[in-house]
Amino acid sequence: LHMASEALRSEPAIILKALSSAQGQGLGAAVALKAVPEWFLLSRDFLLEAVSVHPGSLGVAASLDPRLRSDRELVLRAVAKDGWALAEASEDLKNDRDVVLTALRNRGLALRHASEALRHDRHVVLTAVSRDGGALCYVPEILQEDWEIVRQALSNDGSALAHASAGAKKSLRIVPTALVHDGAALQYAAPAIQNDPRMAEMAVSNNGWALGFCSPNLCRDGELQNLARQQDPR
């Protein structure tokens, strides 16, 4: 786009095509917008289209006019495309429940950018961990004790056990949810779990490398060693 004429650099269809290409290649919006005149980039009508194509457009425009971070419609469109755009929203909008939920439905890890109050909202947290189990790392400690939240996180990302409470890591009701999805999650479990033959078998049955996370005694268990080799014949 930087090699196009000035007229083309102000042509919405051309710019949106460049944004779409950048989005498809995993490139930042700044790559596509660096040659666009500032006066055009700050056009609200254009931005409403731009953030729907590449949500990173919000951050580029907001660096020129910070007031755009408080434009609710603009932010909603951006987070509906990619929840990570919540990072560019104003503090007020990071505390707007509808805006935050819209972001979390497609990017649970955007919980990181939600307000403190909303990160203590149980429904908001459940929405986040249902989308991305790893979002458990942004959940306040008091809600990490909520077994429903922890189970929901582990059901789609066993490694989220790393962010669970100490109580969850030693619970025979919680840890299996992680192990059936990712045997290597045994490394995050409490020592008593790593020394439990049933838990070790569950983990190794899922991932042969999990044998290395069992207690020293169980690592030497012949049956577990054979089970591990079956999972990873190398």
C-alpha atoms as a PDB file:
ATOM      1  CA  LEU A   1       0.000   0.000   0.000  1.00  0.00           C
ATOM      2  CA  HIS A   2       2.915   2.381   0.660  1.00  0.00           C
ATOM      3  CA  MET A   3       3.755   2.221  -3.069  1.00  0.00           C
ATOM      4  CA  ALA A   4       0.230   3.224  -4.116  1.00  0.00           C
ATOM      5  CA  SER A   5      -0.709   6.722  -5.167  1.00  0.00           C
ATOM      6  CA  GLU A   6      -2.059   9.147  -2.567  1.00  0.00           C
ATOM      7  CA  ALA A   7      -5.528   8.741  -4.047  1.00  0.00           C
ATOM      8  CA  LEU A   8      -5.417   4.963  -3.642  1.00  0.00           C
ATOM      9  CA  ARG A   9      -4.079   5.277  -0.100  1.00  0.00           C
ATOM     10  CA  SER A  10      -7.348   7.027   0.746  1.00  0.00           C
ATOM     11  CA  GLU A  11      -9.557   4.497  -1.012  1.00  0.00           C
ATOM     12  CA  PRO A  12     -11.497   2.470   1.601  1.00  0.00           C
ATOM     13  CA  ALA A  13     -11.777  -0.695  -0.482  1.00  0.00           C
ATOM     14  CA  ILE A  14      -8.014  -0.753  -1.116  1.00  0.00           C
ATOM     15  CA  ILE A  15      -7.164  -0.148   2.550  1.00  0.00           C
ATOM     16  CA  LEU A  16      -9.621  -2.762   3.790  1.00  0.00           C
ATOM     17  CA  LYS A  17      -8.163  -5.277   1.346  1.00  0.00           C
ATOM     18  CA  ALA A  18      -4.692  -4.540   2.706  1.00  0.00           C
ATOM     19  CA  LEU A  19      -5.979  -4.977   6.268  1.00  0.00           C
ATOM     20  CA  SER A  20      -7.596  -8.274   5.387  1.00  0.00           C
ATOM     21  CA  SER A  21      -4.335  -9.478   3.867  1.00  0.00           C
ATOM     22  CA  ALA A  22      -2.394  -8.431   6.954  1.00  0.00           C
ATOM     23  CA  GLN A  23      -4.885 -10.184   9.218  1.00  0.00           C
ATOM     24  CA  GLY A  24      -4.669 -13.356   7.156  1.00  0.00           C
ATOM     25  CA  GLN A  25      -0.881 -13.349   7.378  1.00  0.00           C
ATOM     26  CA  GLY A  26      -0.881 -12.688  11.111  1.00  0.00           C
ATOM     27  CA  LEU A  27       0.600  -9.229  10.645  1.00  0.00           C
ATOM     28  CA  GLY A  28      -0.229  -6.176  12.713  1.00  0.00           C
ATOM     29  CA  ALA A  29      -2.627  -3.559  11.397  1.00  0.00           C
ATOM     30  CA  ALA A  30       0.163  -0.982  11.481  1.00  0.00           C
ATOM     31  CA  VAL A  31       1.801  -2.773   8.532  1.00  0.00           C
ATOM     32  CA  ALA A  32      -1.240  -2.115   6.355  1.00  0.00           C
ATOM     33  CA  LEU A  33      -2.010   1.346   7.704  1.00  0.00           C
ATOM     34  CA  LYS A  34       1.425   2.956   7.835  1.00  0.00           C
ATOM     35  CA  ALA A  35       0.898   4.720   4.477  1.00  0.00           C
ATOM     36  CA  VAL A  36      -2.700   5.808   5.162  1.00  0.00           C
ATOM     37  CA  PRO A  37      -3.142   9.541   5.803  1.00  0.00           C
ATOM     38  CA  GLU A  38      -3.923  10.304   9.465  1.00  0.00           C
ATOM     39  CA  TRP A  39      -6.989  12.340   8.605  1.00  0.00           C
ATOM     40  CA  PHE A  40      -8.467   9.323   6.839  1.00  0.00           C
ATOM     41  CA  LEU A  41      -7.438   6.847   9.511  1.00  0.00           C
ATOM     42  CA  LEU A  42      -9.345   8.862  12.106  1.00  0.00           C
ATOM     43  CA  SER A  43     -12.580   8.770  10.119  1.00  0.00           C
ATOM     44  CA  ARG A  44     -15.056   6.974  12.387  1.00  0.00           C
ATOM     45  CA  ASP A  45     -17.039   5.504   9.494  1.00  0.00           C
ATOM     46  CA  PHE A  46     -13.867   3.985   8.084  1.00  0.00           C
ATOM     47  CA  LEU A  47     -12.732   2.713  11.485  1.00  0.00           C
ATOM     48  CA  LEU A  48     -16.013   0.915  12.091  1.00  0.00           C
ATOM     49  CA  GLU A  49     -15.283  -1.122   8.982  1.00  0.00           C
ATOM     50  CA  ALA A  50     -11.574  -1.420   9.626  1.00  0.00           C
ATOM     51  CA  VAL A  51     -11.819  -2.963  13.103  1.00  0.00           C
ATOM     52  CA  SER A  52     -14.275  -5.527  11.762  1.00  0.00           C
ATOM     53  CA  VAL A  53     -11.595  -6.624   9.292  1.00  0.00           C
ATOM     54  CA  HIS A  54      -8.515  -6.218  11.486  1.00  0.00           C
ATOM     55  CA  PRO A  55      -9.170  -5.383  15.167  1.00  0.00           C
ATOM     56  CA  GLY A  56      -5.617  -4.120  15.496  1.00  0.00           C
ATOM     57  CA  SER A  57      -6.805  -1.023  13.644  1.00  0.00           C
ATOM     58  CA  LEU A  58      -8.247   0.195  16.948  1.00  0.00           C
ATOM     59  CA  GLY A  59      -4.838   0.396  18.596  1.00  0.00           C
ATOM     60  CA  VAL A  60      -3.280   2.158  15.607  1.00  0.00           C
ATOM     61  CA  ALA A  61      -6.020   4.787  15.495  1.00  0.00           C
ATOM     62  CA  ALA A  62      -6.162   5.172  19.285  1.00  0.00           C
ATOM     63  CA  SER A  63      -2.452   5.983  19.338  1.00  0.00           C
ATOM     64  CA  LEU A  64      -3.399   9.076  17.324  1.00  0.00           C
ATOM     65  CA  ASP A  65      -6.585   9.866  19.206  1.00  0.00           C
ATOM     66  CA  PRO A  66      -6.914   8.188  22.647  1.00  0.00           C
ATOM     67  CA  ARG A  67     -10.594   9.151  22.820  1.00  0.00           C
ATOM     68  CA  LEU A  68     -11.322   6.300  20.421  1.00  0.00           C
ATOM     69  CA  ARG A  69     -10.625   3.838  23.248  1.00  0.00           C
ATOM     70  CA  SER A  70     -13.880   5.026  24.831  1.00  0.00           C
ATOM     71  CA  ASP A  71     -15.995   4.586  21.689  1.00  0.00           C
ATOM     72  CA  ARG A  72     -18.189   1.688  22.786  1.00  0.00           C
ATOM     73  CA  GLU A  73     -19.464   0.719  19.347  1.00  0.00           C
ATOM     74  CA  LEU A  74     -15.960   0.763  17.903  1.00  0.00           C
ATOM     75  CA  VAL A  75     -14.546  -1.333  20.746  1.00  0.00           C
ATOM     76  CA  LEU A  76     -17.427  -3.803  20.573  1.00  0.00           C
ATOM     77  CA  ARG A  77     -16.775  -4.387  16.887  1.00  0.00           C
ATOM     78  CA  ALA A  78     -13.086  -4.890  17.517  1.00  0.00           C
ATOM     79  CA  VAL A  79     -13.469  -7.374  20.388  1.00  0.00           C
ATOM     80  CA  ALA A  80     -16.161  -9.265  18.495  1.00  0.00           C
ATOM     81  CA  LYS A  81     -13.510  -9.969  15.853  1.00  0.00           C
ATOM     82  CA  ASP A  82     -10.699 -10.662  18.340  1.00  0.00           C
ATOM     83  CA  GLY A  83     -11.152 -10.420  22.085  1.00  0.00           C
ATOM     84  CA  TRP A  84      -7.506  -9.445  22.532  1.00  0.00           C
ATOM     85  CA  ALA A  85      -8.488  -5.972  21.278  1.00  0.00           C
ATOM     86  CA  LEU A  86      -9.906  -5.434  24.772  1.00  0.00           C
ATOM     87  CA  ALA A  87      -6.363  -4.370  25.666  1.00  0.00           C
ATOM     88  CA  GLU A  88      -6.954  -1.169  23.673  1.00  0.00           C
ATOM     89  CA  ALA A  89     -10.230  -0.266  25.392  1.00  0.00           C
ATOM     90  CA  SER A  90     -10.594   2.460  28.003  1.00  0.00           C
ATOM     91  CA  GLU A  91     -10.736   1.496  31.668  1.00  0.00           C
ATOM     92  CA  ASP A  92     -14.470   2.180  31.678  1.00  0.00           C
ATOM     93  CA  LEU A  93     -15.060  -0.241  28.805  1.00  0.00           C
ATOM     94  CA  LYS A  94     -12.840  -2.857  30.418  1.00  0.00           C
ATOM     95  CA  ASN A  95     -15.394  -2.704  33.206  1.00  0.00           C
ATOM     96  CA  ASP A  96     -18.353  -2.939  30.798  1.00  0.00           C
ATOM     97  CA  ARG A  97     -19.771  -6.444  31.258  1.00  0.00           C
ATOM     98  CA  ASP A  98     -21.200  -6.760  27.738  1.00  0.00           C
ATOM     99  CA  VAL A  99     -17.976  -5.576  26.115  1.00  0.00           C
ATOM    100  CA  VAL A 100     -15.866  -7.953  28.194  1.00  0.00           C
ATOM    101  CA  LEU A 101     -18.152 -10.946  27.613  1.00  0.00           C
ATOM    102  CA  THR A 102     -18.088 -10.276  23.870  1.00  0.00           C
ATOM    103  CA  ALA A 103     -14.288 -10.360  23.998  1.00  0.00           C
ATOM    104  CA  LEU A 104     -14.137 -13.524  26.098  1.00  0.00           C
ATOM    105  CA  ARG A 105     -16.439 -15.515  23.843  1.00  0.00           C
ATOM    106  CA  ASN A 106     -13.726 -15.658  21.202  1.00  0.00           C
ATOM    107  CA  ARG A 107     -10.588 -15.111  23.297  1.00  0.00           C
ATOM    108  CA  GLY A 108     -10.788 -16.328  26.878  1.00  0.00           C
ATOM    109  CA  LEU A 109      -7.277 -15.100  27.623  1.00  0.00           C
ATOM    110  CA  ALA A 110      -8.570 -11.546  27.188  1.00  0.00           C
ATOM    111  CA  LEU A 111      -9.673 -11.914  30.815  1.00  0.00           C
ATOM    112  CA  ARG A 112      -6.228 -10.491  31.496  1.00  0.00           C
ATOM    113  CA  HIS A 113      -7.465  -7.093  30.315  1.00  0.00           C
ATOM    114  CA  ALA A 114     -10.820  -7.072  32.118  1.00  0.00           C
ATOM    115  CA  SER A 115     -11.294  -4.872  35.151  1.00  0.00           C
ATOM    116  CA  GLU A 116     -10.546  -6.231  38.609  1.00  0.00           C
ATOM    117  CA  ALA A 117     -14.247  -6.198  39.404  1.00  0.00           C
ATOM    118  CA  LEU A 118     -15.178  -8.298  36.378  1.00  0.00           C
ATOM    119  CA  ARG A 119     -12.355 -10.764  37.038  1.00  0.00           C
ATOM    120  CA  HIS A 120     -14.188 -11.452  40.306  1.00  0.00           C
ATOM    121  CA  ASP A 121     -17.493 -12.002  38.443  1.00  0.00           C
ATOM    122  CA  ARG A 122     -18.152 -15.755  38.412  1.00  0.00           C
ATOM    123  CA  HIS A 123     -20.116 -15.749  35.138  1.00  0.00           C
ATOM    124  CA  VAL A 124     -17.416 -13.714  33.411  1.00  0.00           C
ATOM    125  CA  VAL A 125     -14.726 -16.088  34.649  1.00  0.00           C
ATOM    126  CA  LEU A 126     -16.667 -19.182  33.556  1.00  0.00           C
ATOM    127  CA  THR A 127     -17.066 -17.667  30.095  1.00  0.00           C
ATOM    128  CA  ALA A 128     -13.315 -17.097  29.893  1.00  0.00           C
ATOM    129  CA  VAL A 129     -12.168 -20.549  31.031  1.00  0.00           C
ATOM    130  CA  SER A 130     -14.813 -22.230  28.877  1.00  0.00           C
ATOM    131  CA  ARG A 131     -13.122 -20.675  25.853  1.00  0.00           C
ATOM    132  CA  ASP A 132      -9.476 -20.915  27.005  1.00  0.00           C
ATOM    133  CA  GLY A 133      -8.570 -23.035  30.005  1.00  0.00           C
ATOM    134  CA  GLY A 134      -5.325 -21.113  30.331  1.00  0.00           C
ATOM    135  CA  ALA A 135      -7.347 -18.061  31.366  1.00  0.00           C
ATOM    136  CA  LEU A 136      -7.353 -19.662  34.820  1.00  0.00           C
ATOM    137  CA  CYS A 137      -4.034 -17.883  35.395  1.00  0.00           C
ATOM    138  CA  TYR A 138      -5.911 -14.545  35.429  1.00  0.00           C
ATOM    139  CA  VAL A 139      -8.590 -15.737  37.841  1.00  0.00           C
ATOM    140  CA  PRO A 140      -8.434 -14.378  41.413  1.00  0.00           C
ATOM    141  CA  GLU A 141      -7.364 -16.906  44.043  1.00  0.00           C
ATOM    142  CA  ILE A 142     -10.775 -16.964  45.666  1.00  0.00           C
ATOM    143  CA  LEU A 143     -12.366 -18.207  42.417  1.00  0.00           C
ATOM    144  CA  GLN A 144      -9.557 -20.681  41.804  1.00  0.00           C
ATOM    145  CA  GLU A 145     -11.095 -22.504  44.763  1.00  0.00           C
ATOM    146  CA  ASP A 146     -14.365 -22.838  42.823  1.00  0.00           C
ATOM    147  CA  TRP A 147     -14.313 -26.431  41.593  1.00  0.00           C
ATOM    148  CA  GLU A 148     -16.769 -25.789  38.741  1.00  0.00           C
ATOM    149  CA  ILE A 149     -14.518 -23.070  37.348  1.00  0.00           C
ATOM    150  CA  VAL A 150     -11.415 -25.240  37.706  1.00  0.00           C
ATOM    151  CA  ARG A 151     -13.064 -28.267  36.089  1.00  0.00           C
ATOM    152  CA  GLN A 152     -14.274 -26.156  33.187  1.00  0.00           C
ATOM    153  CA  ALA A 153     -10.774 -24.832  32.614  1.00  0.00           C
ATOM    154  CA  LEU A 154      -9.174 -28.274  32.812  1.00  0.00           C
ATOM    155  CA  SER A 155     -11.762 -29.849  30.529  1.00  0.00           C
ATOM    156  CA  ASN A 156     -10.347 -27.935  27.559  1.00  0.00           C
ATOM    157  CA  ASP A 157      -6.745 -27.428  28.690  1.00  0.00           C
ATOM    158  CA  GLY A 158      -5.239 -29.913  31.097  1.00  0.00           C
ATOM    159  CA  SER A 159      -2.105 -27.796  31.508  1.00  0.00           C
ATOM    160  CA  ALA A 160      -4.264 -25.153  33.206  1.00  0.00           C
ATOM    161  CA  LEU A 161      -3.708 -27.263  36.334  1.00  0.00           C
ATOM    162  CA  ALA A 162      -0.523 -25.223  36.675  1.00  0.00           C
ATOM    163  CA  HIS A 163      -2.698 -22.245  37.634  1.00  0.00           C
ATOM    164  CA  ALA A 164      -5.099 -24.074  39.941  1.00  0.00           C
ATOM    165  CA  SER A 165      -5.076 -23.688  43.697  1.00  0.00           C
ATOM    166  CA  ALA A 166      -3.013 -25.954  45.938  1.00  0.00           C
ATOM    167  CA  GLY A 167      -6.238 -27.647  47.002  1.00  0.00           C
ATOM    168  CA  ALA A 168      -7.188 -28.462  43.424  1.00  0.00           C
ATOM    169  CA  LYS A 169      -3.737 -29.845  42.649  1.00  0.00           C
ATOM    170  CA  LYS A 170      -4.121 -32.499  45.342  1.00  0.00           C
ATOM    171  CA  SER A 171      -7.778 -33.300  44.766  1.00  0.00           C
ATOM    172  CA  LEU A 172      -8.658 -36.743  43.427  1.00  0.00           C
ATOM    173  CA  ARG A 173     -11.886 -35.187  42.165  1.00  0.00           C
ATOM    174  CA  ILE A 174     -10.180 -32.439  40.157  1.00  0.00           C
ATOM    175  CA  VAL A 175      -6.844 -33.697  38.862  1.00  0.00           C
ATOM    176  CA  PRO A 176      -8.305 -36.541  36.717  1.00  0.00           C
ATOM    177  CA  THR A 177     -10.125 -33.943  34.615  1.00  0.00           C
ATOM    178  CA  ALA A 178      -6.732 -32.578  33.609  1.00  0.00           C
ATOM    179  CA  LEU A 179      -5.050 -35.955  33.120  1.00  0.00           C
ATOM    180  CA  VAL A 180      -7.613 -37.379  30.719  1.00  0.00           C
ATOM    181  CA  HIS A 181      -6.940 -34.416  28.422  1.00  0.00           C
ATOM    182  CA  ASP A 182      -3.212 -34.064  28.979  1.00  0.00           C
ATOM    183  CA  GLY A 183      -1.236 -36.674  30.870  1.00  0.00           C
ATOM    184  CA  ALA A 184       1.717 -34.291  31.113  1.00  0.00           C
ATOM    185  CA  ALA A 185      -0.398 -32.155  33.445  1.00  0.00           C
ATOM    186  CA  LEU A 186       0.733 -34.597  36.148  1.00  0.00           C
ATOM    187  CA  GLN A 187       3.809 -32.366  36.527  1.00  0.00           C
ATOM    188  CA  TYR A 188       1.583 -29.702  38.096  1.00  0.00           C
ATOM    189  CA  ALA A 189      -0.153 -32.047  40.540  1.00  0.00           C
ATOM    190  CA  ALA A 190       0.721 -32.340  44.215  1.00  0.00           C
ATOM    191  CA  PRO A 191       3.398 -34.921  45.197  1.00  0.00           C
ATOM    192  CA  ALA A 192       0.738 -37.192  46.710  1.00  0.00           C
ATOM    193  CA  ILE A 193      -1.027 -37.354  43.332  1.00  0.00           C
ATOM    194  CA  GLN A 194       2.249 -38.043  41.517  1.00  0.00           C
ATOM    195  CA  ASN A 195       2.740 -40.972  43.877  1.00  0.00           C
ATOM    196  CA  ASP A 196      -0.766 -42.364  43.362  1.00  0.00           C
ATOM    197  CA  PRO A 197      -0.642 -45.457  41.089  1.00  0.00           C
ATOM    198  CA  ARG A 198      -4.114 -44.811  39.661  1.00  0.00           C
ATOM    199  CA  MET A 199      -3.313 -41.224  38.770  1.00  0.00           C
ATOM    200  CA  ALA A 200       0.046 -42.256  37.322  1.00  0.00           C
ATOM    201  CA  GLU A 201      -1.581 -44.884  35.139  1.00  0.00           C
ATOM    202  CA  MET A 202      -4.191 -42.406  33.925  1.00  0.00           C
ATOM    203  CA  ALA A 203      -1.507 -39.879  33.007  1.00  0.00           C
ATOM    204  CA  VAL A 204       0.843 -42.336  31.314  1.00  0.00           C
ATOM    205  CA  SER A 205      -2.031 -43.913  29.376  1.00  0.00           C
ATOM    206  CA  ASN A 206      -2.628 -40.485  27.863  1.00  0.00           C
ATOM    207  CA  ASN A 207       0.989 -39.441  27.403  1.00  0.00           C
ATOM    208  CA  GLY A 208       3.995 -41.728  27.783  1.00  0.00           C
ATOM    209  CA  TRP A 209       6.207 -38.803  28.723  1.00  0.00           C
ATOM    210  CA  ALA A 210       4.121 -38.362  31.862  1.00  0.00           C
ATOM    211  CA  LEU A 211       6.139 -41.184  33.412  1.00  0.00           C
ATOM    212  CA  GLY A 212       8.840 -38.618  34.047  1.00  0.00           C
ATOM    213  CA  PHE A 213       6.448 -36.687  36.294  1.00  0.00           C
ATOM    214  CA  CYS A 214       5.552 -39.628  38.490  1.00  0.00           C
ATOM    215  CA  SER A 215       7.195 -40.076  41.878  1.00  0.00           C
ATOM    216  CA  PRO A 216      10.645 -41.731  41.815  1.00  0.00           C
ATOM    217  CA  ASN A 217       9.142 -45.006  43.080  1.00  0.00           C
ATOM    218  CA  LEU A 218       6.514 -45.127  40.353  1.00  0.00           C
ATOM    219  CA  CYS A 219       9.018 -44.168  37.673  1.00  0.00           C
ATOM    220  CA  ARG A 220      10.693 -47.504  38.352  1.00  0.00           C
ATOM    221  CA  ASP A 221       7.450 -49.462  38.106  1.00  0.00           C
ATOM    222  CA  GLY A 222       7.788 -52.009  35.298  1.00  0.00           C
ATOM    223  CA  GLU A 223       4.126 -51.945  34.267  1.00  0.00           C
ATOM    224  CA  LEU A 224       4.111 -48.174  34.026  1.00  0.00           C
ATOM    225  CA  GLN A 225       7.331 -48.250  32.010  1.00  0.00           C
ATOM    226  CA  ASN A 226       5.774 -50.708  29.562  1.00  0.00           C
ATOM    227  CA  LEU A 227       2.657 -48.550  29.344  1.00  0.00           C
ATOM    228  CA  ALA A 228       4.778 -45.500  28.606  1.00  0.00           C
ATOM    229  CA  ARG A 229       6.624 -47.349  25.821  1.00  0.00           C
ATOM    230  CA  GLN A 230       3.299 -48.337  24.277  1.00  0.00           C
ATOM    231  CA  GLN A 231       2.310 -44.680  24.100  1.00  0.00           C
ATOM    232  CA  ASP A 232       5.671 -43.608  22.697  1.00  0.00           C
ATOM    233  CA  PRO A 233       7.475 -46.587  21.116  1.00  0.00           C
ATOM    234  CA  ARG A 234      10.601 -44.534  20.424  1.00  0.00           C
END
